[in-house]
Amino acid sequence: MNQSPDARYEELIAKLRARGGRITPQRMAIVRILADAAGHPSAEEIYHQIRMRFPTTSLATVYKVIAALKEMGEVLELGFADGSSRYDGHNPHPHAHLICVRCRKIVDPRVEGLNAVPQDVARAEGYLLVGHRFDIYGVCPECRAAEAQP
């Protein structure tokens, strides 16, 4: 997605308004984090960032905003076997992810054609693709560098 974080933020706020939701400063801050985040934050990470500016905000508020955006198809949830979830509000459509097995950082790879692979596989096997999840696990450059330090 080539949309700037500011444009994405404005789009998400407009969609929440159109849905009839109240646009409080806390909700705006949650949406800002989701629109800006390249690292796919968890609800808890968003909550900890929000609490610095809005100490009375609850984790339930974070989950409610995420749920509303998910329901509208505006947030992609990445669920993991340990029960945790991470969220992508900047690019809410299925796409590939690189996931560090050490620090759990998630990045969107910038490799042309990678996101076409699931459609190509489905087509080759005669499937109608209705969704996909394409995760690539490894050790990120920062963790590799830290491991190399004596």
N, C-alpha and C. Protein backbone atom coordinates (compact mmCIF):
# COMPACT_ATOMS: atom_id res chain seq x y z
N MET A 1 0.85 -1.17 0.00
CA MET A 1 0.00 0.00 0.00
C MET A 1 0.90 1.24 0.00
N ASN A 2 0.61 2.17 -0.88
CA ASN A 2 1.44 3.36 -1.02
C ASN A 2 0.89 4.56 -0.28
N GLN A 3 -0.15 4.39 0.48
CA GLN A 3 -0.79 5.49 1.19
C GLN A 3 0.10 5.94 2.34
N SER A 4 0.20 7.25 2.52
CA SER A 4 1.00 7.78 3.63
C SER A 4 0.29 7.48 4.95
N PRO A 5 1.05 7.41 6.05
CA PRO A 5 0.41 7.19 7.36
C PRO A 5 -0.63 8.26 7.68
N ASP A 6 -0.36 9.52 7.32
CA ASP A 6 -1.33 10.60 7.59
C ASP A 6 -2.63 10.38 6.81
N ALA A 7 -2.50 10.00 5.53
CA ALA A 7 -3.70 9.75 4.72
C ALA A 7 -4.46 8.54 5.25
N ARG A 8 -3.74 7.52 5.68
CA ARG A 8 -4.37 6.33 6.23
C ARG A 8 -5.11 6.67 7.53
N TYR A 9 -4.49 7.47 8.37
CA TYR A 9 -5.11 7.93 9.62
C TYR A 9 -6.42 8.65 9.32
N GLU A 10 -6.39 9.60 8.40
CA GLU A 10 -7.59 10.37 8.04
C GLU A 10 -8.67 9.44 7.49
N GLU A 11 -8.28 8.47 6.70
CA GLU A 11 -9.25 7.52 6.13
C GLU A 11 -9.91 6.70 7.24
N LEU A 12 -9.12 6.21 8.19
CA LEU A 12 -9.67 5.41 9.29
C LEU A 12 -10.60 6.23 10.18
N ILE A 13 -10.21 7.46 10.49
CA ILE A 13 -11.06 8.32 11.31
C ILE A 13 -12.37 8.59 10.58
N ALA A 14 -12.32 8.87 9.29
CA ALA A 14 -13.54 9.13 8.51
C ALA A 14 -14.45 7.90 8.51
N LYS A 15 -13.88 6.73 8.40
CA LYS A 15 -14.70 5.51 8.40
C LYS A 15 -15.33 5.25 9.77
N LEU A 16 -14.60 5.52 10.83
CA LEU A 16 -15.18 5.38 12.16
C LEU A 16 -16.32 6.38 12.37
N ARG A 17 -16.11 7.62 11.90
CA ARG A 17 -17.17 8.64 12.01
C ARG A 17 -18.41 8.21 11.24
N ALA A 18 -18.20 7.72 10.00
CA ALA A 18 -19.31 7.31 9.15
C ALA A 18 -20.08 6.15 9.78
N ARG A 19 -19.40 5.35 10.56
CA ARG A 19 -20.03 4.21 11.24
C ARG A 19 -20.81 4.68 12.47
N GLY A 20 -20.64 5.94 12.85
CA GLY A 20 -21.38 6.48 13.98
C GLY A 20 -20.64 6.41 15.30
N GLY A 21 -19.38 6.04 15.26
CA GLY A 21 -18.61 5.96 16.49
C GLY A 21 -18.16 7.32 16.98
N ARG A 22 -18.06 7.45 18.30
CA ARG A 22 -17.54 8.69 18.88
C ARG A 22 -16.05 8.75 18.62
N ILE A 23 -15.57 9.91 18.27
CA ILE A 23 -14.15 10.08 17.98
C ILE A 23 -13.54 10.87 19.13
N THR A 24 -13.10 10.14 20.14
CA THR A 24 -12.48 10.75 21.31
C THR A 24 -10.98 10.90 21.06
N PRO A 25 -10.31 11.74 21.85
CA PRO A 25 -8.85 11.85 21.70
C PRO A 25 -8.14 10.50 21.89
N GLN A 26 -8.65 9.67 22.79
CA GLN A 26 -8.04 8.36 23.01
C GLN A 26 -8.18 7.48 21.76
N ARG A 27 -9.36 7.46 21.18
CA ARG A 27 -9.58 6.66 19.97
C ARG A 27 -8.73 7.19 18.82
N MET A 28 -8.62 8.50 18.73
CA MET A 28 -7.77 9.08 17.68
C MET A 28 -6.32 8.64 17.86
N ALA A 29 -5.86 8.59 19.10
CA ALA A 29 -4.47 8.17 19.37
C ALA A 29 -4.27 6.71 19.01
N ILE A 30 -5.25 5.86 19.29
CA ILE A 30 -5.17 4.45 18.94
C ILE A 30 -5.10 4.30 17.42
N VAL A 31 -5.96 5.01 16.73
CA VAL A 31 -5.97 4.95 15.26
C VAL A 31 -4.65 5.47 14.70
N ARG A 32 -4.11 6.51 15.30
CA ARG A 32 -2.81 7.06 14.84
C ARG A 32 -1.72 5.98 14.93
N ILE A 33 -1.67 5.27 16.03
CA ILE A 33 -0.67 4.22 16.20
C ILE A 33 -0.86 3.14 15.14
N LEU A 34 -2.10 2.72 14.91
CA LEU A 34 -2.36 1.68 13.91
C LEU A 34 -2.01 2.15 12.50
N ALA A 35 -2.29 3.40 12.20
CA ALA A 35 -2.00 3.93 10.86
C ALA A 35 -0.51 4.11 10.63
N ASP A 36 0.21 4.45 11.70
CA ASP A 36 1.65 4.74 11.58
C ASP A 36 2.53 3.50 11.69
N ALA A 37 2.07 2.49 12.42
CA ALA A 37 2.93 1.37 12.81
C ALA A 37 3.33 0.51 11.63
N ALA A 38 4.62 0.37 11.47
CA ALA A 38 5.15 -0.55 10.47
C ALA A 38 5.43 -1.91 11.11
N GLY A 39 5.45 -1.95 12.44
CA GLY A 39 5.86 -3.15 13.16
C GLY A 39 4.74 -4.04 13.66
N HIS A 40 3.50 -3.79 13.28
CA HIS A 40 2.39 -4.65 13.66
C HIS A 40 2.28 -4.81 15.17
N PRO A 41 1.87 -3.77 15.88
CA PRO A 41 1.83 -3.81 17.36
C PRO A 41 0.73 -4.73 17.88
N SER A 42 0.92 -5.20 19.10
CA SER A 42 -0.13 -5.93 19.81
C SER A 42 -1.05 -4.90 20.46
N ALA A 43 -2.21 -5.35 20.92
CA ALA A 43 -3.12 -4.45 21.64
C ALA A 43 -2.45 -3.93 22.90
N GLU A 44 -1.68 -4.78 23.55
CA GLU A 44 -0.99 -4.38 24.77
C GLU A 44 0.06 -3.31 24.49
N GLU A 45 0.78 -3.43 23.38
CA GLU A 45 1.77 -2.41 23.01
C GLU A 45 1.08 -1.08 22.73
N ILE A 46 -0.04 -1.13 22.03
CA ILE A 46 -0.80 0.09 21.76
C ILE A 46 -1.27 0.70 23.08
N TYR A 47 -1.79 -0.14 23.96
CA TYR A 47 -2.28 0.29 25.26
C TYR A 47 -1.18 1.01 26.05
N HIS A 48 0.02 0.45 26.08
CA HIS A 48 1.12 1.07 26.83
C HIS A 48 1.52 2.42 26.23
N GLN A 49 1.46 2.54 24.92
CA GLN A 49 1.76 3.83 24.29
C GLN A 49 0.68 4.86 24.61
N ILE A 50 -0.57 4.44 24.57
CA ILE A 50 -1.70 5.34 24.83
C ILE A 50 -1.70 5.82 26.28
N ARG A 51 -1.38 4.92 27.20
CA ARG A 51 -1.42 5.26 28.63
C ARG A 51 -0.46 6.39 29.00
N MET A 52 0.59 6.58 28.23
CA MET A 52 1.51 7.69 28.51
C MET A 52 0.79 9.03 28.39
N ARG A 53 -0.07 9.15 27.37
CA ARG A 53 -0.79 10.40 27.14
C ARG A 53 -2.17 10.44 27.79
N PHE A 54 -2.80 9.26 27.89
CA PHE A 54 -4.16 9.16 28.42
C PHE A 54 -4.20 8.08 29.50
N PRO A 55 -3.78 8.40 30.72
CA PRO A 55 -3.64 7.39 31.77
C PRO A 55 -4.93 6.67 32.16
N THR A 56 -6.08 7.25 31.88
CA THR A 56 -7.32 6.59 32.27
C THR A 56 -7.88 5.66 31.19
N THR A 57 -7.21 5.57 30.06
CA THR A 57 -7.67 4.70 28.98
C THR A 57 -7.50 3.24 29.40
N SER A 58 -8.48 2.43 29.07
CA SER A 58 -8.43 1.01 29.42
C SER A 58 -7.99 0.17 28.22
N LEU A 59 -7.49 -1.02 28.52
CA LEU A 59 -7.14 -1.98 27.47
C LEU A 59 -8.40 -2.35 26.68
N ALA A 60 -9.55 -2.37 27.35
CA ALA A 60 -10.81 -2.67 26.67
C ALA A 60 -11.10 -1.65 25.56
N THR A 61 -10.77 -0.38 25.80
CA THR A 61 -10.97 0.65 24.77
C THR A 61 -10.12 0.35 23.54
N VAL A 62 -8.88 -0.06 23.76
CA VAL A 62 -7.99 -0.41 22.64
C VAL A 62 -8.62 -1.56 21.85
N TYR A 63 -9.05 -2.60 22.56
CA TYR A 63 -9.66 -3.75 21.87
C TYR A 63 -10.94 -3.36 21.13
N LYS A 64 -11.73 -2.45 21.69
CA LYS A 64 -12.98 -2.03 21.03
C LYS A 64 -12.69 -1.30 19.72
N VAL A 65 -11.68 -0.43 19.73
CA VAL A 65 -11.33 0.30 18.51
C VAL A 65 -10.80 -0.68 17.47
N ILE A 66 -9.93 -1.60 17.89
CA ILE A 66 -9.40 -2.60 16.96
C ILE A 66 -10.54 -3.44 16.39
N ALA A 67 -11.47 -3.88 17.25
CA ALA A 67 -12.59 -4.70 16.80
C ALA A 67 -13.46 -3.96 15.78
N ALA A 68 -13.72 -2.69 16.03
CA ALA A 68 -14.53 -1.90 15.08
C ALA A 68 -13.83 -1.79 13.74
N LEU A 69 -12.53 -1.54 13.76
CA LEU A 69 -11.78 -1.43 12.51
C LEU A 69 -11.66 -2.78 11.80
N LYS A 70 -11.49 -3.85 12.56
CA LYS A 70 -11.46 -5.19 11.97
C LYS A 70 -12.77 -5.52 11.30
N GLU A 71 -13.87 -5.19 11.96
CA GLU A 71 -15.20 -5.46 11.42
C GLU A 71 -15.41 -4.76 10.08
N MET A 72 -14.78 -3.59 9.93
CA MET A 72 -14.88 -2.83 8.68
C MET A 72 -13.84 -3.27 7.65
N GLY A 73 -13.00 -4.23 8.02
CA GLY A 73 -11.95 -4.69 7.10
C GLY A 73 -10.78 -3.73 7.02
N GLU A 74 -10.59 -2.92 8.06
CA GLU A 74 -9.55 -1.89 8.03
C GLU A 74 -8.35 -2.22 8.91
N VAL A 75 -8.36 -3.37 9.57
CA VAL A 75 -7.22 -3.83 10.36
C VAL A 75 -7.05 -5.32 10.08
N LEU A 76 -5.82 -5.72 9.83
CA LEU A 76 -5.49 -7.13 9.64
C LEU A 76 -4.95 -7.67 10.95
N GLU A 77 -5.55 -8.76 11.44
CA GLU A 77 -5.09 -9.39 12.68
C GLU A 77 -4.23 -10.59 12.34
N LEU A 78 -3.06 -10.65 12.96
CA LEU A 78 -2.17 -11.80 12.82
C LEU A 78 -2.20 -12.54 14.16
N GLY A 79 -2.90 -13.65 14.20
CA GLY A 79 -2.98 -14.45 15.42
C GLY A 79 -1.87 -15.49 15.44
N PHE A 80 -1.35 -15.78 16.62
CA PHE A 80 -0.26 -16.74 16.76
C PHE A 80 -0.67 -17.88 17.70
N ALA A 81 0.06 -18.99 17.61
CA ALA A 81 -0.27 -20.20 18.36
C ALA A 81 -0.28 -19.97 19.88
N ASP A 82 0.50 -19.00 20.36
CA ASP A 82 0.53 -18.74 21.80
C ASP A 82 -0.65 -17.91 22.28
N GLY A 83 -1.59 -17.62 21.37
CA GLY A 83 -2.78 -16.85 21.74
C GLY A 83 -2.63 -15.35 21.55
N SER A 84 -1.43 -14.89 21.24
CA SER A 84 -1.22 -13.46 21.05
C SER A 84 -1.64 -13.05 19.63
N SER A 85 -1.90 -11.77 19.48
CA SER A 85 -2.25 -11.21 18.18
C SER A 85 -1.49 -9.92 17.97
N ARG A 86 -1.20 -9.64 16.72
CA ARG A 86 -0.59 -8.37 16.31
C ARG A 86 -1.48 -7.80 15.22
N TYR A 87 -1.42 -6.48 15.03
CA TYR A 87 -2.37 -5.81 14.16
C TYR A 87 -1.67 -4.91 13.15
N ASP A 88 -2.21 -4.93 11.94
CA ASP A 88 -1.71 -4.07 10.86
C ASP A 88 -2.86 -3.18 10.41
N GLY A 89 -2.79 -1.92 10.78
CA GLY A 89 -3.80 -0.96 10.37
C GLY A 89 -3.37 -0.15 9.17
N HIS A 90 -2.10 -0.27 8.80
CA HIS A 90 -1.61 0.48 7.64
C HIS A 90 -1.91 -0.27 6.34
N ASN A 91 -1.73 -1.58 6.35
CA ASN A 91 -1.99 -2.40 5.17
C ASN A 91 -2.86 -3.58 5.60
N PRO A 92 -4.20 -3.39 5.63
CA PRO A 92 -5.08 -4.40 6.21
C PRO A 92 -5.44 -5.56 5.30
N HIS A 93 -4.78 -5.68 4.19
CA HIS A 93 -5.07 -6.75 3.24
C HIS A 93 -4.05 -7.87 3.40
N PRO A 94 -4.44 -9.12 3.14
CA PRO A 94 -3.47 -10.21 3.29
C PRO A 94 -2.19 -9.94 2.47
N HIS A 95 -1.06 -10.11 3.13
CA HIS A 95 0.23 -9.91 2.48
C HIS A 95 1.29 -10.67 3.27
N ALA A 96 2.46 -10.80 2.69
CA ALA A 96 3.54 -11.55 3.32
C ALA A 96 4.13 -10.79 4.50
N HIS A 97 4.63 -11.55 5.47
CA HIS A 97 5.29 -10.98 6.65
C HIS A 97 6.57 -11.74 6.94
N LEU A 98 7.59 -11.01 7.33
CA LEU A 98 8.82 -11.59 7.88
C LEU A 98 8.72 -11.44 9.40
N ILE A 99 8.89 -12.55 10.11
CA ILE A 99 8.73 -12.54 11.57
C ILE A 99 10.01 -13.05 12.21
N CYS A 100 10.59 -12.23 13.08
CA CYS A 100 11.80 -12.63 13.79
C CYS A 100 11.43 -13.58 14.93
N VAL A 101 12.07 -14.75 14.96
CA VAL A 101 11.77 -15.74 16.00
C VAL A 101 12.40 -15.37 17.34
N ARG A 102 13.29 -14.38 17.36
CA ARG A 102 13.92 -13.95 18.61
C ARG A 102 13.14 -12.80 19.26
N CYS A 103 13.05 -11.68 18.56
CA CYS A 103 12.43 -10.48 19.14
C CYS A 103 10.96 -10.31 18.75
N ARG A 104 10.47 -11.14 17.84
CA ARG A 104 9.08 -11.14 17.37
C ARG A 104 8.71 -9.91 16.54
N LYS A 105 9.71 -9.20 16.06
CA LYS A 105 9.45 -8.07 15.16
C LYS A 105 8.81 -8.62 13.89
N ILE A 106 7.86 -7.87 13.34
CA ILE A 106 7.20 -8.24 12.10
C ILE A 106 7.40 -7.12 11.09
N VAL A 107 7.85 -7.46 9.90
CA VAL A 107 8.00 -6.48 8.84
C VAL A 107 7.35 -7.00 7.57
N ASP A 108 6.96 -6.07 6.73
CA ASP A 108 6.42 -6.41 5.42
C ASP A 108 7.57 -6.41 4.42
N PRO A 109 7.90 -7.57 3.83
CA PRO A 109 9.02 -7.60 2.88
C PRO A 109 8.71 -6.76 1.64
N ARG A 110 9.75 -6.16 1.12
CA ARG A 110 9.62 -5.32 -0.08
C ARG A 110 10.16 -6.07 -1.29
N VAL A 111 9.58 -7.22 -1.58
CA VAL A 111 10.01 -8.04 -2.71
C VAL A 111 8.86 -8.08 -3.72
N GLU A 112 9.14 -7.62 -4.93
CA GLU A 112 8.11 -7.58 -5.97
C GLU A 112 7.59 -8.99 -6.25
N GLY A 113 6.28 -9.10 -6.43
CA GLY A 113 5.66 -10.35 -6.82
C GLY A 113 5.38 -11.32 -5.69
N LEU A 114 5.90 -11.07 -4.50
CA LEU A 114 5.73 -12.00 -3.39
C LEU A 114 4.26 -12.17 -3.02
N ASN A 115 3.51 -11.11 -3.04
CA ASN A 115 2.10 -11.20 -2.65
C ASN A 115 1.24 -11.86 -3.72
N ALA A 116 1.79 -12.10 -4.91
CA ALA A 116 1.05 -12.81 -5.95
C ALA A 116 1.18 -14.33 -5.79
N VAL A 117 2.12 -14.79 -4.97
CA VAL A 117 2.38 -16.23 -4.82
C VAL A 117 1.13 -17.00 -4.39
N PRO A 118 0.40 -16.58 -3.35
CA PRO A 118 -0.79 -17.36 -2.95
C PRO A 118 -1.81 -17.51 -4.09
N GLN A 119 -2.05 -16.45 -4.83
CA GLN A 119 -3.00 -16.52 -5.96
C GLN A 119 -2.47 -17.47 -7.03
N ASP A 120 -1.17 -17.41 -7.30
CA ASP A 120 -0.57 -18.31 -8.29
C ASP A 120 -0.70 -19.76 -7.86
N VAL A 121 -0.44 -20.05 -6.59
CA VAL A 121 -0.54 -21.42 -6.07
C VAL A 121 -1.98 -21.91 -6.16
N ALA A 122 -2.93 -21.08 -5.72
CA ALA A 122 -4.34 -21.47 -5.77
C ALA A 122 -4.78 -21.74 -7.20
N ARG A 123 -4.41 -20.88 -8.12
CA ARG A 123 -4.78 -21.04 -9.52
C ARG A 123 -4.19 -22.33 -10.08
N ALA A 124 -2.93 -22.59 -9.78
CA ALA A 124 -2.26 -23.79 -10.30
C ALA A 124 -2.92 -25.07 -9.80
N GLU A 125 -3.50 -25.03 -8.61
CA GLU A 125 -4.14 -26.21 -8.03
C GLU A 125 -5.65 -26.23 -8.22
N GLY A 126 -6.19 -25.22 -8.93
CA GLY A 126 -7.62 -25.17 -9.19
C GLY A 126 -8.46 -24.66 -8.04
N TYR A 127 -7.85 -23.99 -7.09
CA TYR A 127 -8.57 -23.45 -5.93
C TYR A 127 -9.07 -22.05 -6.21
N LEU A 128 -10.17 -21.70 -5.58
CA LEU A 128 -10.63 -20.33 -5.53
C LEU A 128 -10.07 -19.76 -4.24
N LEU A 129 -9.17 -18.81 -4.32
CA LEU A 129 -8.54 -18.23 -3.13
C LEU A 129 -9.54 -17.34 -2.40
N VAL A 130 -9.77 -17.63 -1.13
CA VAL A 130 -10.69 -16.82 -0.32
C VAL A 130 -9.94 -16.09 0.79
N GLY A 131 -8.69 -16.41 0.97
CA GLY A 131 -7.86 -15.75 1.97
C GLY A 131 -6.53 -16.48 2.05
N HIS A 132 -5.57 -15.84 2.68
CA HIS A 132 -4.28 -16.49 2.87
C HIS A 132 -3.49 -15.80 3.97
N ARG A 133 -2.50 -16.52 4.42
CA ARG A 133 -1.55 -15.95 5.37
C ARG A 133 -0.19 -16.48 4.97
N PHE A 134 0.75 -15.57 4.73
CA PHE A 134 2.06 -15.93 4.23
C PHE A 134 3.11 -15.35 5.17
N ASP A 135 3.58 -16.17 6.10
CA ASP A 135 4.55 -15.74 7.10
C ASP A 135 5.87 -16.44 6.84
N ILE A 136 6.94 -15.69 6.91
CA ILE A 136 8.30 -16.22 6.74
C ILE A 136 9.03 -15.94 8.05
N TYR A 137 9.54 -17.01 8.67
CA TYR A 137 10.19 -16.89 9.98
C TYR A 137 11.70 -16.92 9.82
N GLY A 138 12.38 -16.13 10.62
CA GLY A 138 13.83 -16.08 10.61
C GLY A 138 14.33 -15.24 11.76
N VAL A 139 15.61 -14.88 11.68
CA VAL A 139 16.22 -14.02 12.69
C VAL A 139 16.56 -12.70 12.01
N CYS A 140 16.07 -11.59 12.56
CA CYS A 140 16.24 -10.27 11.95
C CYS A 140 17.71 -9.82 12.03
N PRO A 141 18.09 -8.85 11.22
CA PRO A 141 19.47 -8.36 11.24
C PRO A 141 19.91 -7.84 12.61
N GLU A 142 19.01 -7.18 13.34
CA GLU A 142 19.38 -6.64 14.66
C GLU A 142 19.68 -7.77 15.64
N CYS A 143 18.88 -8.81 15.65
CA CYS A 143 19.12 -9.95 16.55
C CYS A 143 20.38 -10.71 16.14
N ARG A 144 20.61 -10.85 14.83
CA ARG A 144 21.83 -11.52 14.37
C ARG A 144 23.06 -10.73 14.81
N ALA A 145 23.00 -9.41 14.71
CA ALA A 145 24.12 -8.57 15.11
C ALA A 145 24.36 -8.67 16.62
N ALA A 146 23.27 -8.70 17.41
CA ALA A 146 23.40 -8.80 18.86
C ALA A 146 24.00 -10.15 19.24
N GLU A 147 23.63 -11.19 18.53
CA GLU A 147 24.18 -12.52 18.82
C GLU A 147 25.65 -12.60 18.47
N ALA A 148 26.10 -11.80 17.51
CA ALA A 148 27.50 -11.83 17.09
C ALA A 148 28.41 -11.07 18.06
N GLN A 149 27.80 -10.24 18.92
CA GLN A 149 28.59 -9.46 19.90
C GLN A 149 29.15 -10.40 20.96
N PRO A 150 30.45 -10.23 21.33
CA PRO A 150 31.02 -11.10 22.36
C PRO A 150 30.51 -10.76 23.75
